[in-house]
Amino acid sequence: MVKKINAFNIQKVFVAFALIAFTLFFVGRNDVSASTTSNYYVSDPNSAMYGKVLKLYYDNQGNIIEDTLGIAGDFSEYEIYVNKSKDLITVYGRDNNVYVPVKRFICSDGGNNTPEGIFYTPAKYRWQTLMGPSYGQWCTRIHGGVLFHSVFYNSKNNPQTLSVSAYNKLGTTCSHGCIRLTAGDAKWIYDNCKIGTKVVIYSKGGYEPFSKPSSYKLPLWHTWDPTDPTSYYLCQQRGCHSIIADGLAYDATDNQWRYYQSGVFADWFTSLAQYNGQWWYVKNGVIDFNANTLAYYNNNWWYVRNGRVDFNANTLGYYNNNWWYVRNGRVDFSANTLGYYNNSWWYVRNGCVDFNANTLGYYNNNWWYVR
């Protein structure tokens, strides 16, 4: 740990210059950014992707981007992998022998009533009668009586009769055998996965490239699916899901600020977003008002205090196991100075606190001894 600094004889300044020049020449800047893409060989034998090579995309904080269609582009064909043990669907595109995970969906399966194996979709239906009877939107048949479909409705062709209790169970094993999804996710499969799409259903606890999306709870009065594009107007009228445009919007159902892209909740999004003249730290699609961290945006690292970028901050900020020098809210990687934090002064080299430094530091027209 860096000890308390002491005043140093000004007559030794020439020695200080020599020491600092030497250390700065041999020590480079720590880089906190991450690569854009990488190929990953799946070596986990408990994974459905065992032995395959995946192409993964990363943001500038090193986090895997869990919706890559806007980056990887569209594919002529997709493969759909359904993990019953996790109630997680991952959609892959193929680039020769490399698999590109592009989408993830939360789902509900039917346990033993949902068959495992490899299937190829034979048919689609805009609305389809299900057990009960009940009715599903944007249905894609997988095998026999098993389909991908929205959470069921109590009336056909009436998207305002959603079973709220079934919707709130998404992410659990609770169907009669079909694979239930949100209306928006079922529609994506219906629109983008042509007849004959390969579907792999399995129960494995091993590696998955994407995490399971967050389940979403609706109040009992909300008898329509907020991801259903035919029902957007109902959310707009009630002001419960502001999904008219991309960006941050207040969700009155649970008093959260959420981030939307293409009209749907982007629960994979972790970055900074602007609203009402302020910049906010969004984690997994929701403003994190407890965040005290550094966040990467627009080729800079910014200091976040209580969920909001503090452009007046002149302090040290902790990220990725290092302490960084913040000037006017932004990490200054060119800083070679002393920084004050937690009632002590610390030696900063190339923007990063050097806890091994035994040298001289120049600050406030004086040279100080750092141990």
Protein backbone atom coordinates (compact mmCIF):
# COMPACT_ATOMS: atom_id res chain seq x y z
CA MET A 1 0.00 0.00 0.00
CA VAL A 2 1.21 3.51 -0.73
CA LYS A 3 2.29 5.18 2.48
CA LYS A 4 1.70 8.75 3.52
CA ILE A 5 3.77 11.09 1.36
CA ASN A 6 6.38 13.43 2.75
CA ALA A 7 7.86 16.69 1.47
CA PHE A 8 11.12 16.33 -0.42
CA ASN A 9 14.03 18.67 -0.70
CA ILE A 10 13.49 20.88 -3.76
CA GLN A 11 17.24 20.81 -4.44
CA LYS A 12 16.85 17.17 -5.54
CA VAL A 13 14.48 18.00 -8.38
CA PHE A 14 16.99 16.93 -11.04
CA VAL A 15 17.02 13.44 -9.49
CA ALA A 16 13.24 13.35 -9.62
CA PHE A 17 13.20 14.16 -13.32
CA ALA A 18 15.58 11.31 -13.99
CA LEU A 19 13.54 8.82 -11.97
CA ILE A 20 10.24 9.78 -13.53
CA ALA A 21 11.61 9.73 -17.07
CA PHE A 22 13.01 6.24 -16.43
CA THR A 23 9.78 4.80 -15.00
CA LEU A 24 7.54 6.35 -17.63
CA PHE A 25 9.74 5.05 -20.43
CA PHE A 26 9.50 1.43 -19.30
CA VAL A 27 5.91 1.31 -18.01
CA GLY A 28 3.03 1.51 -20.50
CA ARG A 29 -0.61 2.34 -20.06
CA ASN A 30 -2.97 -0.36 -18.79
CA ASP A 31 -5.68 -0.91 -21.40
CA VAL A 32 -9.20 -1.40 -20.06
CA SER A 33 -10.87 -1.86 -23.44
CA ALA A 34 -11.71 -5.23 -24.97
CA SER A 35 -11.64 -6.93 -28.36
CA THR A 36 -14.57 -6.71 -30.75
CA THR A 37 -14.87 -10.35 -31.80
CA SER A 38 -13.27 -13.71 -31.09
CA ASN A 39 -13.72 -17.30 -32.10
CA TYR A 40 -14.37 -19.61 -29.18
CA TYR A 41 -13.97 -23.38 -29.28
CA VAL A 42 -16.49 -25.04 -26.97
CA SER A 43 -14.59 -27.63 -24.94
CA ASP A 44 -17.31 -28.27 -22.34
CA PRO A 45 -18.62 -31.83 -22.96
CA ASN A 46 -21.83 -30.93 -21.09
CA SER A 47 -22.68 -28.24 -23.65
CA ALA A 48 -24.92 -28.80 -26.66
CA MET A 49 -22.31 -26.85 -28.65
CA TYR A 50 -19.44 -29.14 -27.62
CA GLY A 51 -16.77 -29.35 -30.31
CA LYS A 52 -18.14 -26.38 -32.25
CA VAL A 53 -16.50 -23.01 -32.91
CA LEU A 54 -18.55 -19.92 -32.01
CA LYS A 55 -18.00 -16.35 -33.12
CA LEU A 56 -18.68 -14.05 -30.16
CA TYR A 57 -19.05 -10.27 -30.13
CA TYR A 58 -17.93 -8.08 -27.22
CA ASP A 59 -18.66 -4.51 -26.23
CA ASN A 60 -15.91 -2.14 -25.18
CA GLN A 61 -16.15 -3.26 -21.56
CA GLY A 62 -15.46 -6.87 -22.49
CA ASN A 63 -19.07 -8.02 -22.05
CA ILE A 64 -20.56 -10.46 -24.54
CA ILE A 65 -23.18 -8.75 -26.70
CA GLU A 66 -26.25 -10.94 -26.42
CA ASP A 67 -28.18 -9.68 -29.43
CA THR A 68 -25.87 -9.42 -32.42
CA LEU A 69 -28.20 -9.19 -35.41
CA GLY A 70 -27.47 -5.50 -35.80
CA ILE A 71 -23.75 -6.31 -35.88
CA ALA A 72 -23.47 -9.71 -37.55
CA GLY A 73 -26.25 -8.99 -40.05
CA ASP A 74 -28.98 -11.29 -41.28
CA PHE A 75 -28.43 -14.93 -42.18
CA SER A 76 -30.24 -16.86 -44.88
CA GLU A 77 -30.80 -19.71 -42.43
CA TYR A 78 -30.87 -20.09 -38.66
CA GLU A 79 -30.66 -22.97 -36.19
CA ILE A 80 -32.65 -22.87 -32.95
CA TYR A 81 -31.30 -24.53 -29.80
CA VAL A 82 -33.72 -25.05 -26.91
CA ASN A 83 -32.22 -25.85 -23.50
CA LYS A 84 -35.05 -27.30 -21.40
CA SER A 85 -32.97 -27.37 -18.22
CA LYS A 86 -32.51 -23.59 -18.42
CA ASP A 87 -35.68 -22.60 -20.30
CA LEU A 88 -33.38 -20.76 -22.68
CA ILE A 89 -33.45 -20.54 -26.47
CA THR A 90 -30.38 -19.52 -28.48
CA VAL A 91 -30.61 -18.78 -32.20
CA TYR A 92 -27.50 -19.30 -34.33
CA GLY A 93 -26.49 -18.23 -37.79
CA ARG A 94 -23.85 -20.18 -39.69
CA ASP A 95 -20.74 -18.76 -41.31
CA ASN A 96 -19.28 -21.86 -42.97
CA ASN A 97 -18.32 -24.05 -39.99
CA VAL A 98 -18.52 -21.22 -37.43
CA TYR A 99 -21.71 -20.74 -35.38
CA VAL A 100 -22.73 -17.17 -34.64
CA PRO A 101 -25.17 -16.79 -31.70
CA VAL A 102 -27.45 -13.92 -32.63
CA LYS A 103 -30.56 -14.03 -30.40
CA ARG A 104 -31.66 -15.41 -27.03
CA PHE A 105 -35.17 -15.93 -25.70
CA ILE A 106 -36.63 -16.87 -22.35
CA CYS A 107 -39.19 -19.66 -22.71
CA SER A 108 -41.30 -22.25 -20.90
CA ASP A 109 -41.25 -25.91 -21.87
CA GLY A 110 -43.31 -28.91 -20.80
CA GLY A 111 -40.70 -31.09 -19.14
CA ASN A 112 -41.10 -34.72 -20.23
CA ASN A 113 -43.94 -33.70 -22.53
CA THR A 114 -41.47 -31.74 -24.67
CA PRO A 115 -39.48 -34.21 -26.79
CA GLU A 116 -35.71 -33.93 -27.15
CA GLY A 117 -33.79 -34.40 -30.36
CA ILE A 118 -33.26 -32.75 -33.74
CA PHE A 119 -36.31 -31.57 -35.70
CA TYR A 120 -37.07 -29.47 -38.77
CA THR A 121 -40.02 -27.08 -38.70
CA PRO A 122 -42.83 -28.20 -41.07
CA ALA A 123 -45.47 -25.43 -40.78
CA LYS A 124 -46.49 -22.02 -39.40
CA TYR A 125 -49.79 -20.54 -38.21
CA ARG A 126 -50.69 -16.92 -37.43
CA TRP A 127 -53.17 -18.09 -34.75
CA GLN A 128 -53.52 -21.70 -33.62
CA THR A 129 -55.90 -23.49 -31.28
CA LEU A 130 -54.08 -25.02 -28.29
CA MET A 131 -55.18 -27.18 -25.36
CA GLY A 132 -58.02 -25.98 -23.20
CA PRO A 133 -59.00 -24.69 -25.68
CA SER A 134 -56.69 -21.70 -25.68
CA TYR A 135 -54.98 -19.89 -28.52
CA GLY A 136 -51.45 -18.91 -29.50
CA GLN A 137 -50.04 -16.24 -31.81
CA TRP A 138 -47.20 -16.62 -34.32
CA CYS A 139 -46.95 -20.38 -34.06
CA THR A 140 -44.21 -22.47 -35.66
CA ARG A 141 -44.63 -26.23 -35.54
CA ILE A 142 -41.60 -28.17 -34.31
CA HIS A 143 -42.77 -31.79 -34.27
CA GLY A 144 -46.18 -33.43 -33.91
CA GLY A 145 -48.28 -31.28 -31.59
CA VAL A 146 -45.29 -29.33 -30.24
CA LEU A 147 -44.99 -25.71 -31.39
CA PHE A 148 -43.19 -22.47 -30.70
CA HIS A 149 -45.95 -20.01 -29.81
CA SER A 150 -46.76 -16.95 -27.71
CA VAL A 151 -48.08 -17.31 -24.19
CA PHE A 152 -51.67 -18.39 -24.68
CA TYR A 153 -54.80 -16.27 -24.92
CA ASN A 154 -58.33 -17.10 -23.83
CA SER A 155 -59.93 -15.91 -27.09
CA LYS A 156 -58.77 -16.42 -30.66
CA ASN A 157 -57.75 -13.31 -32.60
CA ASN A 158 -58.03 -11.24 -29.42
CA PRO A 159 -54.59 -10.20 -28.10
CA GLN A 160 -56.21 -8.48 -25.10
CA THR A 161 -57.10 -11.83 -23.49
CA LEU A 162 -53.55 -12.86 -22.49
CA SER A 163 -53.16 -15.33 -19.60
CA VAL A 164 -51.20 -13.07 -17.26
CA SER A 165 -50.49 -15.93 -14.84
CA ALA A 166 -48.90 -18.00 -17.64
CA TYR A 167 -46.93 -14.98 -18.85
CA ASN A 168 -45.50 -14.44 -15.38
CA LYS A 169 -44.28 -18.05 -15.37
CA LEU A 170 -42.05 -17.59 -18.41
CA GLY A 171 -38.66 -19.08 -17.67
CA THR A 172 -40.11 -22.06 -15.78
CA THR A 173 -41.28 -25.54 -16.83
CA CYS A 174 -45.04 -25.13 -17.02
CA SER A 175 -46.38 -25.79 -20.53
CA HIS A 176 -48.23 -28.87 -21.78
CA GLY A 177 -45.36 -29.67 -24.15
CA CYS A 178 -45.06 -26.66 -26.46
CA ILE A 179 -42.38 -23.99 -26.20
CA ARG A 180 -43.97 -20.75 -24.96
CA LEU A 181 -42.37 -17.38 -25.65
CA THR A 182 -43.27 -13.72 -25.48
CA ALA A 183 -45.31 -12.62 -28.49
CA GLY A 184 -42.38 -10.58 -29.80
CA ASP A 185 -39.99 -13.54 -29.64
CA ALA A 186 -42.51 -15.95 -31.18
CA LYS A 187 -43.07 -13.44 -33.97
CA TRP A 188 -39.32 -13.18 -34.60
CA ILE A 189 -39.10 -16.94 -35.17
CA TYR A 190 -42.29 -16.85 -37.27
CA ASP A 191 -40.92 -14.00 -39.44
CA ASN A 192 -37.25 -14.98 -39.75
CA CYS A 193 -36.98 -18.78 -39.57
CA LYS A 194 -38.26 -20.40 -42.73
CA ILE A 195 -39.93 -23.78 -43.04
CA GLY A 196 -37.34 -26.51 -42.56
CA THR A 197 -35.37 -24.64 -39.87
CA LYS A 198 -33.31 -26.97 -37.70
CA VAL A 199 -34.43 -27.12 -34.04
CA VAL A 200 -32.33 -28.88 -31.39
CA ILE A 201 -34.04 -29.59 -28.05
CA TYR A 202 -31.96 -30.87 -25.14
CA SER A 203 -31.44 -30.81 -21.38
CA LYS A 204 -27.87 -29.89 -20.49
CA GLY A 205 -26.32 -27.82 -17.74
CA GLY A 206 -23.12 -26.93 -19.59
CA TYR A 207 -21.84 -23.90 -21.44
CA GLU A 208 -24.20 -21.53 -23.21
CA PRO A 209 -22.84 -18.46 -25.02
CA PHE A 210 -25.68 -16.21 -23.84
CA SER A 211 -27.21 -15.84 -20.41
CA LYS A 212 -30.87 -16.45 -19.74
CA PRO A 213 -32.94 -13.29 -20.26
CA SER A 214 -34.78 -11.78 -17.33
CA SER A 215 -38.32 -12.92 -16.72
CA TYR A 216 -40.85 -10.12 -16.86
CA LYS A 217 -43.85 -9.80 -14.57
CA LEU A 218 -47.13 -8.13 -15.47
CA PRO A 219 -49.86 -6.89 -13.12
CA LEU A 220 -53.17 -8.74 -13.45
CA TRP A 221 -54.82 -5.85 -15.31
CA HIS A 222 -52.19 -5.99 -18.07
CA THR A 223 -54.01 -8.58 -20.24
CA TRP A 224 -51.88 -8.03 -23.35
CA ASP A 225 -48.26 -8.78 -24.12
CA PRO A 226 -46.12 -5.60 -24.11
CA THR A 227 -43.86 -7.14 -26.80
CA ASP A 228 -46.82 -7.71 -29.15
CA PRO A 229 -46.58 -5.11 -31.94
CA THR A 230 -50.36 -5.29 -32.44
CA SER A 231 -50.82 -4.13 -28.83
CA TYR A 232 -48.25 -1.31 -28.60
CA TYR A 233 -51.04 1.25 -28.66
CA LEU A 234 -52.49 -0.14 -25.41
CA CYS A 235 -49.22 0.45 -23.59
CA GLN A 236 -49.04 3.92 -25.07
CA GLN A 237 -52.56 4.69 -23.88
CA ARG A 238 -51.87 3.44 -20.35
CA GLY A 239 -48.32 4.78 -20.21
CA CYS A 240 -47.14 1.46 -18.78
CA HIS A 241 -44.50 0.54 -21.37
CA SER A 242 -43.08 3.45 -23.32
CA ILE A 243 -41.86 1.47 -26.29
CA ILE A 244 -42.62 4.01 -28.99
CA ALA A 245 -38.96 4.83 -29.68
CA ASP A 246 -35.53 3.58 -28.77
CA GLY A 247 -33.88 4.75 -25.57
CA LEU A 248 -34.78 5.07 -21.91
CA ALA A 249 -38.39 5.07 -20.80
CA TYR A 250 -40.18 4.79 -17.48
CA ASP A 251 -42.12 1.59 -16.80
CA ALA A 252 -44.98 2.29 -14.40
CA THR A 253 -45.66 -1.39 -13.75
CA ASP A 254 -42.63 -1.73 -11.49
CA ASN A 255 -41.18 1.81 -11.30
CA GLN A 256 -38.08 0.98 -13.34
CA TRP A 257 -36.31 2.92 -16.07
CA ARG A 258 -35.72 0.55 -18.97
CA TYR A 259 -33.79 0.75 -22.23
CA TYR A 260 -35.58 -0.16 -25.46
CA GLN A 261 -34.28 -0.97 -28.92
CA SER A 262 -36.52 -1.53 -31.92
CA GLY A 263 -39.50 -1.16 -29.61
CA VAL A 264 -38.62 -3.99 -27.21
CA PHE A 265 -36.87 -4.17 -23.84
CA ALA A 266 -33.13 -4.65 -24.44
CA ASP A 267 -32.23 -6.63 -21.32
CA TRP A 268 -28.80 -7.44 -22.74
CA PHE A 269 -27.84 -3.72 -22.95
CA THR A 270 -25.11 -2.54 -20.56
CA SER A 271 -23.72 0.90 -21.32
CA LEU A 272 -24.45 4.60 -20.89
CA ALA A 273 -27.66 6.16 -22.19
CA GLN A 274 -28.88 9.74 -22.28
CA TYR A 275 -32.18 11.00 -20.97
CA ASN A 276 -33.36 14.51 -20.21
CA GLY A 277 -29.89 16.01 -20.47
CA GLN A 278 -28.25 13.45 -18.16
CA TRP A 279 -26.21 10.33 -18.86
CA TRP A 280 -27.17 7.20 -16.94
CA TYR A 281 -25.57 3.82 -16.34
CA VAL A 282 -27.77 1.04 -17.70
CA LYS A 283 -27.10 -2.55 -16.61
CA ASN A 284 -28.98 -5.40 -18.28
CA GLY A 285 -31.43 -2.90 -19.72
CA VAL A 286 -32.32 -1.11 -16.45
CA ILE A 287 -30.83 2.04 -14.91
CA ASP A 288 -28.73 1.00 -11.92
CA PHE A 289 -29.07 3.87 -9.47
CA ASN A 290 -26.66 2.14 -7.07
CA ALA A 291 -23.81 1.96 -9.58
CA ASN A 292 -20.50 3.54 -8.61
CA THR A 293 -18.13 2.48 -11.34
CA LEU A 294 -16.43 3.43 -14.60
CA ALA A 295 -18.27 2.94 -17.87
CA TYR A 296 -17.06 3.02 -21.47
CA TYR A 297 -18.83 5.17 -24.03
CA ASN A 298 -17.84 7.06 -27.17
CA ASN A 299 -14.16 6.09 -26.90
CA ASN A 300 -13.85 7.33 -23.33
CA TRP A 301 -14.21 5.96 -19.82
CA TRP A 302 -16.56 7.93 -17.58
CA TYR A 303 -17.07 8.15 -13.84
CA VAL A 304 -20.49 7.01 -12.64
CA ARG A 305 -21.80 8.01 -9.22
CA ASN A 306 -25.18 6.69 -8.05
CA GLY A 307 -26.06 5.62 -11.56
CA ARG A 308 -25.32 8.94 -13.27
CA VAL A 309 -22.21 10.23 -15.00
CA ASP A 310 -20.60 12.88 -12.80
CA PHE A 311 -18.88 15.29 -15.17
CA ASN A 312 -17.51 17.29 -12.22
CA ALA A 313 -15.71 14.35 -10.62
CA ASN A 314 -12.00 14.74 -9.89
CA THR A 315 -11.16 11.60 -8.00
CA LEU A 316 -10.02 8.00 -8.36
CA GLY A 317 -12.35 5.36 -9.77
CA TYR A 318 -12.14 1.58 -9.40
CA TYR A 319 -12.58 -0.73 -12.38
CA ASN A 320 -11.18 -4.09 -13.52
CA ASN A 321 -9.00 -4.49 -10.40
CA ASN A 322 -7.31 -1.12 -10.88
CA TRP A 323 -7.75 2.43 -9.63
CA TRP A 324 -7.90 5.11 -12.35
CA TYR A 325 -7.41 8.85 -12.31
CA VAL A 326 -10.58 10.78 -13.14
CA ARG A 327 -10.49 14.40 -14.27
CA ASN A 328 -13.77 16.20 -15.04
CA GLY A 329 -15.63 12.92 -15.01
CA ARG A 330 -13.38 11.13 -17.49
CA VAL A 331 -10.42 8.80 -17.04
CA ASP A 332 -7.24 10.62 -18.01
CA PHE A 333 -4.80 8.00 -19.29
CA SER A 334 -2.11 10.63 -19.79
CA ALA A 335 -2.10 11.63 -16.11
CA ASN A 336 1.21 11.33 -14.25
CA THR A 337 0.45 13.02 -11.00
CA LEU A 338 -0.78 12.50 -7.47
CA GLY A 339 -4.42 11.75 -6.80
CA TYR A 340 -6.36 12.25 -3.58
CA TYR A 341 -8.74 9.54 -2.39
CA ASN A 342 -9.91 8.18 0.95
CA ASN A 343 -7.85 10.66 2.99
CA SER A 344 -4.60 9.74 1.27
CA TRP A 345 -2.56 10.82 -1.72
CA TRP A 346 -1.67 8.19 -4.34
CA TYR A 347 0.86 8.01 -7.15
CA VAL A 348 -0.72 7.87 -10.62
CA ARG A 349 1.24 6.62 -13.63
CA ASN A 350 -0.42 6.75 -17.08
CA GLY A 351 -3.80 7.23 -15.45
CA CYS A 352 -3.52 4.20 -13.15
CA VAL A 353 -2.55 4.13 -9.46
CA ASP A 354 0.79 2.35 -9.13
CA PHE A 355 0.80 0.64 -5.73
CA ASN A 356 4.39 -0.52 -6.22
CA ALA A 357 5.78 2.97 -6.78
CA ASN A 358 8.81 4.08 -4.78
CA THR A 359 9.68 7.31 -6.47
CA LEU A 360 9.05 11.06 -6.55
CA GLY A 361 5.83 12.74 -7.56
CA TYR A 362 5.34 16.36 -8.60
CA TYR A 363 2.19 18.09 -7.38
CA ASN A 364 1.15 21.62 -6.47
CA ASN A 365 4.60 23.11 -7.13
CA ASN A 366 6.32 20.61 -4.85
CA TRP A 367 8.01 17.24 -5.16
CA TRP A 368 6.81 14.51 -2.85
CA TYR A 369 8.32 11.23 -1.83
CA VAL A 370 6.12 8.19 -2.58
CA ARG A 371 6.59 4.91 -0.77
